[in-house]
């Protein structure tokens, strides 16, 4: 009987030792992790002495570039069509001095400002050779894609906004119905046609140096939109 008691005591002692070792290991690993985290935080922290305040610098004058266009020059601004430069000088916009062109748009009866550093958006009027090529495009057969109208309308709008004389001629050619009263034309089609037609008409008039009425007659003759004789 005494032998059995001794064995039980030994087992208990062995178990206690094992538990102590496991607890000790866990404590060591946790403390190491805490130390590492604190070290990382200290590295990432920036001392108050080294903190820099961000200074907001107000722009008083906008950068500009050399003027390409002169006063009284006719230009084409894609979003508005043909215009004439009235003056060029500095304007205060939002508290900033900006060098601008002052442009008059006769069709819209409006005057707009365009910063000189954005003059790349403008273009000179077309040459006589370019006008003749545009007329040949107008005389050609319409090239209508077999797609939904909404998609074609977007393409026509992009061509009009581009301000390019050949693109305008293509829109007028494709949407022109001539004197055909039987052909149905939607409101959006008429709007796009008239927009492109007016822009190309204004440019033709200034380049050809003739009256608005005479330019319209010539353009309508090319498009076969002549008024029937009374």
C-alpha atoms as a PDB file:
ATOM      1  CA  UNK A   1       0.000   0.000   0.000  1.00  0.00           C
ATOM      2  CA  UNK A   2       2.664   2.613   0.754  1.00  0.00           C
ATOM      3  CA  UNK A   3       4.154   2.114  -2.737  1.00  0.00           C
ATOM      4  CA  UNK A   4       0.967   3.245  -4.408  1.00  0.00           C
ATOM      5  CA  UNK A   5       0.858   6.499  -2.434  1.00  0.00           C
ATOM      6  CA  UNK A   6       4.354   7.494  -3.525  1.00  0.00           C
ATOM      7  CA  UNK A   7       3.462   7.087  -7.178  1.00  0.00           C
ATOM      8  CA  UNK A   8       0.463   9.378  -6.896  1.00  0.00           C
ATOM      9  CA  UNK A   9       2.530  12.174  -5.352  1.00  0.00           C
ATOM     10  CA  UNK A  10       5.122  11.982  -8.107  1.00  0.00           C
ATOM     11  CA  UNK A  11       2.464  12.300 -10.760  1.00  0.00           C
ATOM     12  CA  UNK A  12       1.000  15.387  -9.151  1.00  0.00           C
ATOM     13  CA  UNK A  13       4.390  17.115  -8.928  1.00  0.00           C
ATOM     14  CA  UNK A  14       5.140  16.372 -12.546  1.00  0.00           C
ATOM     15  CA  UNK A  15       1.868  17.885 -13.667  1.00  0.00           C
ATOM     16  CA  UNK A  16       2.419  21.080 -11.709  1.00  0.00           C
ATOM     17  CA  UNK A  17       5.850  21.553 -13.243  1.00  0.00           C
ATOM     18  CA  UNK A  18       4.457  21.180 -16.735  1.00  0.00           C
ATOM     19  CA  UNK A  19       1.719  23.735 -16.143  1.00  0.00           C
ATOM     20  CA  UNK A  20       4.180  26.247 -14.763  1.00  0.00           C
ATOM     21  CA  UNK A  21       6.374  25.945 -17.832  1.00  0.00           C
ATOM     22  CA  UNK A  22       3.432  26.508 -20.193  1.00  0.00           C
ATOM     23  CA  UNK A  23       2.221  29.595 -18.323  1.00  0.00           C
ATOM     24  CA  UNK A  24       5.708  31.047 -18.301  1.00  0.00           C
ATOM     25  CA  UNK A  25       6.088  30.605 -22.048  1.00  0.00           C
ATOM     26  CA  UNK A  26       2.804  32.351 -22.722  1.00  0.00           C
ATOM     27  CA  UNK A  27       3.777  35.311 -20.572  1.00  0.00           C
ATOM     28  CA  UNK A  28       7.106  35.673 -22.346  1.00  0.00           C
ATOM     29  CA  UNK A  29       5.553  35.694 -25.829  1.00  0.00           C
ATOM     30  CA  UNK A  30       2.892  38.264 -24.855  1.00  0.00           C
ATOM     31  CA  UNK A  31       5.462  40.621 -23.337  1.00  0.00           C
ATOM     32  CA  UNK A  32       7.651  40.371 -26.448  1.00  0.00           C
ATOM     33  CA  UNK A  33       4.726  41.296 -28.702  1.00  0.00           C
ATOM     34  CA  UNK A  34       3.881  44.303 -26.529  1.00  0.00           C
ATOM     35  CA  UNK A  35       7.477  45.501 -26.651  1.00  0.00           C
ATOM     36  CA  UNK A  36       7.619  45.150 -30.444  1.00  0.00           C
ATOM     37  CA  UNK A  37       4.386  47.070 -30.879  1.00  0.00           C
ATOM     38  CA  UNK A  38       5.591  49.887 -28.639  1.00  0.00           C
ATOM     39  CA  UNK A  39       8.865  50.088 -30.578  1.00  0.00           C
ATOM     40  CA  UNK A  40       6.970  50.342 -33.887  1.00  0.00           C
ATOM     41  CA  UNK A  41       4.713  53.051 -32.533  1.00  0.00           C
ATOM     42  CA  UNK A  42       7.713  55.055 -31.331  1.00  0.00           C
ATOM     43  CA  UNK A  43       9.348  54.781 -34.755  1.00  0.00           C
ATOM     44  CA  UNK A  44       6.186  55.969 -36.545  1.00  0.00           C
ATOM     45  CA  UNK A  45       5.592  58.880 -34.184  1.00  0.00           C
ATOM     46  CA  UNK A  46       6.934  62.228 -35.391  1.00  0.00           C
ATOM     47  CA  UNK A  47       8.197  64.523 -32.646  1.00  0.00           C
ATOM     48  CA  UNK A  48       6.335  67.816 -32.308  1.00  0.00           C
ATOM     49  CA  UNK A  49       9.539  69.715 -33.078  1.00  0.00           C
ATOM     50  CA  UNK A  50       9.655  68.212 -36.574  1.00  0.00           C
ATOM     51  CA  UNK A  51       5.988  68.843 -37.459  1.00  0.00           C
ATOM     52  CA  UNK A  52       5.671  71.269 -40.353  1.00  0.00           C
ATOM     53  CA  UNK A  53       2.684  73.514 -40.938  1.00  0.00           C
ATOM     54  CA  UNK A  54       1.235  73.432 -44.471  1.00  0.00           C
ATOM     55  CA  UNK A  55       1.148  76.921 -45.915  1.00  0.00           C
ATOM     56  CA  UNK A  56      -1.527  77.715 -48.521  1.00  0.00           C
ATOM     57  CA  UNK A  57      -0.085  80.057 -51.114  1.00  0.00           C
ATOM     58  CA  UNK A  58      -2.673  82.211 -52.866  1.00  0.00           C
ATOM     59  CA  UNK A  59      -2.199  82.652 -56.620  1.00  0.00           C
ATOM     60  CA  UNK A  60      -2.447  86.302 -57.552  1.00  0.00           C
ATOM     61  CA  UNK A  61      -1.618  85.971 -61.242  1.00  0.00           C
ATOM     62  CA  UNK A  62      -2.306  83.040 -63.597  1.00  0.00           C
ATOM     63  CA  UNK A  63       0.400  81.842 -65.969  1.00  0.00           C
ATOM     64  CA  UNK A  64      -0.050  82.989 -69.564  1.00  0.00           C
ATOM     65  CA  UNK A  65       1.551  82.488 -72.988  1.00  0.00           C
ATOM     66  CA  UNK A  66       2.236  84.396 -76.203  1.00  0.00           C
ATOM     67  CA  UNK A  67      -0.876  85.529 -78.073  1.00  0.00           C
ATOM     68  CA  UNK A  68      -1.534  83.809 -81.415  1.00  0.00           C
ATOM     69  CA  UNK A  69      -4.601  85.825 -82.418  1.00  0.00           C
ATOM     70  CA  UNK A  70      -4.902  89.551 -82.957  1.00  0.00           C
ATOM     71  CA  UNK A  71      -7.769  91.951 -82.352  1.00  0.00           C
ATOM     72  CA  UNK A  72     -10.605  91.767 -84.921  1.00  0.00           C
ATOM     73  CA  UNK A  73      -9.464  88.270 -85.992  1.00  0.00           C
ATOM     74  CA  UNK A  74     -12.249  85.820 -86.748  1.00  0.00           C
ATOM     75  CA  UNK A  75     -11.851  82.482 -85.007  1.00  0.00           C
ATOM     76  CA  UNK A  76     -13.827  79.285 -84.469  1.00  0.00           C
ATOM     77  CA  UNK A  77     -14.539  78.238 -80.904  1.00  0.00           C
ATOM     78  CA  UNK A  78     -15.894  74.636 -81.080  1.00  0.00           C
ATOM     79  CA  UNK A  79     -18.584  75.083 -78.416  1.00  0.00           C
ATOM     80  CA  UNK A  80     -19.999  78.333 -79.840  1.00  0.00           C
ATOM     81  CA  UNK A  81     -18.974  78.509 -83.498  1.00  0.00           C
ATOM     82  CA  UNK A  82     -17.581  81.544 -85.329  1.00  0.00           C
ATOM     83  CA  UNK A  83     -16.576  84.545 -83.233  1.00  0.00           C
ATOM     84  CA  UNK A  84     -14.503  87.713 -83.443  1.00  0.00           C
ATOM     85  CA  UNK A  85     -11.816  88.787 -80.994  1.00  0.00           C
ATOM     86  CA  UNK A  86     -12.663  92.226 -79.632  1.00  0.00           C
ATOM     87  CA  UNK A  87      -9.734  92.674 -77.247  1.00  0.00           C
ATOM     88  CA  UNK A  88      -7.067  90.942 -75.205  1.00  0.00           C
ATOM     89  CA  UNK A  89      -6.060  91.969 -71.706  1.00  0.00           C
ATOM     90  CA  UNK A  90      -6.033  91.173 -68.006  1.00  0.00           C
ATOM     91  CA  UNK A  91      -9.250  90.434 -66.121  1.00  0.00           C
ATOM     92  CA  UNK A  92      -9.744  89.746 -62.414  1.00  0.00           C
ATOM     93  CA  UNK A  93     -11.568  86.425 -62.060  1.00  0.00           C
ATOM     94  CA  UNK A  94     -12.122  85.111 -58.533  1.00  0.00           C
ATOM     95  CA  UNK A  95      -9.433  87.415 -57.174  1.00  0.00           C
ATOM     96  CA  UNK A  96      -6.848  86.145 -59.705  1.00  0.00           C
ATOM     97  CA  UNK A  97      -5.431  88.191 -62.572  1.00  0.00           C
ATOM     98  CA  UNK A  98      -5.999  86.283 -65.833  1.00  0.00           C
ATOM     99  CA  UNK A  99      -4.939  87.272 -69.366  1.00  0.00           C
ATOM    100  CA  UNK A 100      -8.033  86.747 -71.552  1.00  0.00           C
ATOM    101  CA  UNK A 101      -9.438  87.135 -75.039  1.00  0.00           C
ATOM    102  CA  UNK A 102     -12.775  88.911 -75.252  1.00  0.00           C
ATOM    103  CA  UNK A 103     -14.725  87.171 -78.026  1.00  0.00           C
ATOM    104  CA  UNK A 104     -17.977  88.300 -79.630  1.00  0.00           C
ATOM    105  CA  UNK A 105     -20.359  85.640 -80.995  1.00  0.00           C
ATOM    106  CA  UNK A 106     -22.727  87.328 -83.431  1.00  0.00           C
ATOM    107  CA  UNK A 107     -25.057  84.342 -83.758  1.00  0.00           C
ATOM    108  CA  UNK A 108     -25.690  84.073 -79.987  1.00  0.00           C
ATOM    109  CA  UNK A 109     -25.406  87.854 -79.505  1.00  0.00           C
ATOM    110  CA  UNK A 110     -23.051  87.254 -76.615  1.00  0.00           C
ATOM    111  CA  UNK A 111     -19.515  88.140 -75.518  1.00  0.00           C
ATOM    112  CA  UNK A 112     -17.337  85.520 -73.836  1.00  0.00           C
ATOM    113  CA  UNK A 113     -13.937  85.401 -72.142  1.00  0.00           C
ATOM    114  CA  UNK A 114     -11.271  82.801 -72.871  1.00  0.00           C
ATOM    115  CA  UNK A 115      -7.923  82.638 -71.000  1.00  0.00           C
ATOM    116  CA  UNK A 116      -4.987  83.094 -73.387  1.00  0.00           C
ATOM    117  CA  UNK A 117      -3.321  79.969 -71.970  1.00  0.00           C
ATOM    118  CA  UNK A 118      -6.294  78.002 -73.394  1.00  0.00           C
ATOM    119  CA  UNK A 119      -6.117  79.474 -76.898  1.00  0.00           C
ATOM    120  CA  UNK A 120      -5.286  76.013 -78.272  1.00  0.00           C
ATOM    121  CA  UNK A 121      -9.063  75.371 -78.122  1.00  0.00           C
ATOM    122  CA  UNK A 122      -9.543  77.976 -80.867  1.00  0.00           C
ATOM    123  CA  UNK A 123      -8.790  77.615 -84.570  1.00  0.00           C
ATOM    124  CA  UNK A 124      -8.414  79.928 -87.529  1.00  0.00           C
ATOM    125  CA  UNK A 125     -11.112  80.131 -90.196  1.00  0.00           C
ATOM    126  CA  UNK A 126     -10.929  77.583 -92.994  1.00  0.00           C
ATOM    127  CA  UNK A 127      -9.045  78.367 -96.198  1.00  0.00           C
ATOM    128  CA  UNK A 128     -10.723  78.541 -99.639  1.00  0.00           C
ATOM    129  CA  UNK A 129      -9.374  75.065-100.435  1.00  0.00           C
ATOM    130  CA  UNK A 130     -10.920  73.675 -97.243  1.00  0.00           C
ATOM    131  CA  UNK A 131     -14.241  75.360 -98.064  1.00  0.00           C
ATOM    132  CA  UNK A 132     -14.219  73.770-101.535  1.00  0.00           C
ATOM    133  CA  UNK A 133     -13.519  70.351-100.014  1.00  0.00           C
ATOM    134  CA  UNK A 134     -16.391  70.867 -97.545  1.00  0.00           C
ATOM    135  CA  UNK A 135     -18.699  71.692-100.469  1.00  0.00           C
ATOM    136  CA  UNK A 136     -17.704  68.449-102.195  1.00  0.00           C
ATOM    137  CA  UNK A 137     -18.591  66.570 -98.976  1.00  0.00           C
ATOM    138  CA  UNK A 138     -21.986  68.305 -98.912  1.00  0.00           C
ATOM    139  CA  UNK A 139     -22.633  67.196-102.498  1.00  0.00           C
ATOM    140  CA  UNK A 140     -21.873  63.544-101.670  1.00  0.00           C
ATOM    141  CA  UNK A 141     -24.324  60.814-100.771  1.00  0.00           C
ATOM    142  CA  UNK A 142     -25.409  60.539 -97.118  1.00  0.00           C
ATOM    143  CA  UNK A 143     -23.569  57.859 -95.130  1.00  0.00           C
ATOM    144  CA  UNK A 144     -26.090  56.772 -92.518  1.00  0.00           C
ATOM    145  CA  UNK A 145     -25.132  53.933 -90.186  1.00  0.00           C
ATOM    146  CA  UNK A 146     -27.657  51.239 -89.352  1.00  0.00           C
ATOM    147  CA  UNK A 147     -27.600  51.872 -85.628  1.00  0.00           C
ATOM    148  CA  UNK A 148     -30.039  53.275 -83.077  1.00  0.00           C
ATOM    149  CA  UNK A 149     -30.806  56.976 -83.426  1.00  0.00           C
ATOM    150  CA  UNK A 150     -29.630  57.752 -79.874  1.00  0.00           C
ATOM    151  CA  UNK A 151     -26.141  56.471 -80.720  1.00  0.00           C
ATOM    152  CA  UNK A 152     -26.004  58.307 -84.054  1.00  0.00           C
ATOM    153  CA  UNK A 153     -27.218  61.501 -82.361  1.00  0.00           C
ATOM    154  CA  UNK A 154     -24.275  61.315 -79.919  1.00  0.00           C
ATOM    155  CA  UNK A 155     -21.833  60.902 -82.816  1.00  0.00           C
ATOM    156  CA  UNK A 156     -23.335  63.881 -84.662  1.00  0.00           C
ATOM    157  CA  UNK A 157     -23.172  66.006 -81.495  1.00  0.00           C
ATOM    158  CA  UNK A 158     -19.478  65.133 -81.031  1.00  0.00           C
ATOM    159  CA  UNK A 159     -18.767  66.135 -84.633  1.00  0.00           C
ATOM    160  CA  UNK A 160     -20.528  69.487 -84.172  1.00  0.00           C
ATOM    161  CA  UNK A 161     -18.693  70.218 -80.892  1.00  0.00           C
ATOM    162  CA  UNK A 162     -15.337  69.346 -82.518  1.00  0.00           C
ATOM    163  CA  UNK A 163     -15.697  72.524 -84.624  1.00  0.00           C
ATOM    164  CA  UNK A 164     -13.955  70.908 -87.625  1.00  0.00           C
ATOM    165  CA  UNK A 165     -15.317  72.076 -90.973  1.00  0.00           C
ATOM    166  CA  UNK A 166     -15.321  68.573 -92.516  1.00  0.00           C
ATOM    167  CA  UNK A 167     -17.155  67.062 -89.551  1.00  0.00           C
ATOM    168  CA  UNK A 168     -19.794  69.806 -89.763  1.00  0.00           C
ATOM    169  CA  UNK A 169     -20.192  69.158 -93.490  1.00  0.00           C
ATOM    170  CA  UNK A 170     -20.738  65.433 -92.842  1.00  0.00           C
ATOM    171  CA  UNK A 171     -23.485  66.138 -90.270  1.00  0.00           C
ATOM    172  CA  UNK A 172     -25.275  68.539 -92.641  1.00  0.00           C
ATOM    173  CA  UNK A 173     -24.984  66.046 -95.535  1.00  0.00           C
ATOM    174  CA  UNK A 174     -26.297  63.075 -93.520  1.00  0.00           C
ATOM    175  CA  UNK A 175     -29.239  64.937 -91.926  1.00  0.00           C
ATOM    176  CA  UNK A 176     -30.221  66.948 -95.003  1.00  0.00           C
ATOM    177  CA  UNK A 177     -33.660  66.005 -96.366  1.00  0.00           C
ATOM    178  CA  UNK A 178     -33.723  68.567 -99.174  1.00  0.00           C
ATOM    179  CA  UNK A 179     -37.209  69.486-100.338  1.00  0.00           C
ATOM    180  CA  UNK A 180     -38.627  66.040 -99.623  1.00  0.00           C
ATOM    181  CA  UNK A 181     -41.714  66.824 -97.546  1.00  0.00           C
ATOM    182  CA  UNK A 182     -42.722  63.160 -97.319  1.00  0.00           C
ATOM    183  CA  UNK A 183     -39.611  62.227 -95.315  1.00  0.00           C
ATOM    184  CA  UNK A 184     -40.283  62.276 -91.589  1.00  0.00           C
ATOM    185  CA  UNK A 185     -37.685  64.020 -89.446  1.00  0.00           C
ATOM    186  CA  UNK A 186     -37.720  64.018 -85.650  1.00  0.00           C
ATOM    187  CA  UNK A 187     -37.310  67.145 -83.538  1.00  0.00           C
ATOM    188  CA  UNK A 188     -33.812  66.101 -82.381  1.00  0.00           C
ATOM    189  CA  UNK A 189     -32.744  65.475 -85.995  1.00  0.00           C
ATOM    190  CA  UNK A 190     -33.899  68.964 -87.035  1.00  0.00           C
ATOM    191  CA  UNK A 191     -32.095  70.521 -84.061  1.00  0.00           C
ATOM    192  CA  UNK A 192     -28.784  68.857 -84.901  1.00  0.00           C
ATOM    193  CA  UNK A 193     -29.132  69.707 -88.591  1.00  0.00           C
ATOM    194  CA  UNK A 194     -29.887  73.381 -87.913  1.00  0.00           C
ATOM    195  CA  UNK A 195     -27.007  73.648 -85.436  1.00  0.00           C
ATOM    196  CA  UNK A 196     -24.465  72.266 -87.916  1.00  0.00           C
ATOM    197  CA  UNK A 197     -26.048  74.176 -90.831  1.00  0.00           C
ATOM    198  CA  UNK A 198     -25.837  77.564 -89.026  1.00  0.00           C
ATOM    199  CA  UNK A 199     -22.206  77.059 -88.056  1.00  0.00           C
ATOM    200  CA  UNK A 200     -21.086  76.064 -91.524  1.00  0.00           C
ATOM    201  CA  UNK A 201     -23.139  78.913 -93.030  1.00  0.00           C
ATOM    202  CA  UNK A 202     -21.490  81.552 -90.798  1.00  0.00           C
ATOM    203  CA  UNK A 203     -17.999  80.308 -91.631  1.00  0.00           C
ATOM    204  CA  UNK A 204     -18.748  80.173 -95.377  1.00  0.00           C
ATOM    205  CA  UNK A 205     -20.057  83.747 -95.282  1.00  0.00           C
ATOM    206  CA  UNK A 206     -16.934  85.227 -93.630  1.00  0.00           C
ATOM    207  CA  UNK A 207     -14.451  83.254 -95.752  1.00  0.00           C
ATOM    208  CA  UNK A 208     -16.262  83.940 -99.065  1.00  0.00           C
ATOM    209  CA  UNK A 209     -16.850  87.590 -98.023  1.00  0.00           C
ATOM    210  CA  UNK A 210     -20.438  87.744 -99.274  1.00  0.00           C
ATOM    211  CA  UNK A 211     -23.778  88.573 -97.664  1.00  0.00           C
ATOM    212  CA  UNK A 212     -25.645  86.169 -95.397  1.00  0.00           C
ATOM    213  CA  UNK A 213     -28.543  85.826 -97.883  1.00  0.00           C
ATOM    214  CA  UNK A 214     -26.275  85.039-100.845  1.00  0.00           C
ATOM    215  CA  UNK A 215     -24.285  82.494 -98.813  1.00  0.00           C
ATOM    216  CA  UNK A 216     -27.524  80.787 -97.773  1.00  0.00           C
ATOM    217  CA  UNK A 217     -28.717  80.588-101.391  1.00  0.00           C
ATOM    218  CA  UNK A 218     -25.445  78.998-102.512  1.00  0.00           C
ATOM    219  CA  UNK A 219     -25.464  76.521 -99.623  1.00  0.00           C
ATOM    220  CA  UNK A 220     -29.115  75.571-100.222  1.00  0.00           C
ATOM    221  CA  UNK A 221     -28.355  75.058-103.922  1.00  0.00           C
ATOM    222  CA  UNK A 222     -25.560  72.621-103.034  1.00  0.00           C
ATOM    223  CA  UNK A 223     -27.938  70.780-100.641  1.00  0.00           C
ATOM    224  CA  UNK A 224     -30.837  70.947-103.161  1.00  0.00           C
ATOM    225  CA  UNK A 225     -32.991  72.815-100.688  1.00  0.00           C
ATOM    226  CA  UNK A 226     -34.161  75.453-103.124  1.00  0.00           C
ATOM    227  CA  UNK A 227     -37.515  77.095-102.580  1.00  0.00           C
ATOM    228  CA  UNK A 228     -40.115  76.066-105.220  1.00  0.00           C
ATOM    229  CA  UNK A 229     -40.967  78.818-107.703  1.00  0.00           C
ATOM    230  CA  UNK A 230     -44.300  80.540-107.063  1.00  0.00           C
END
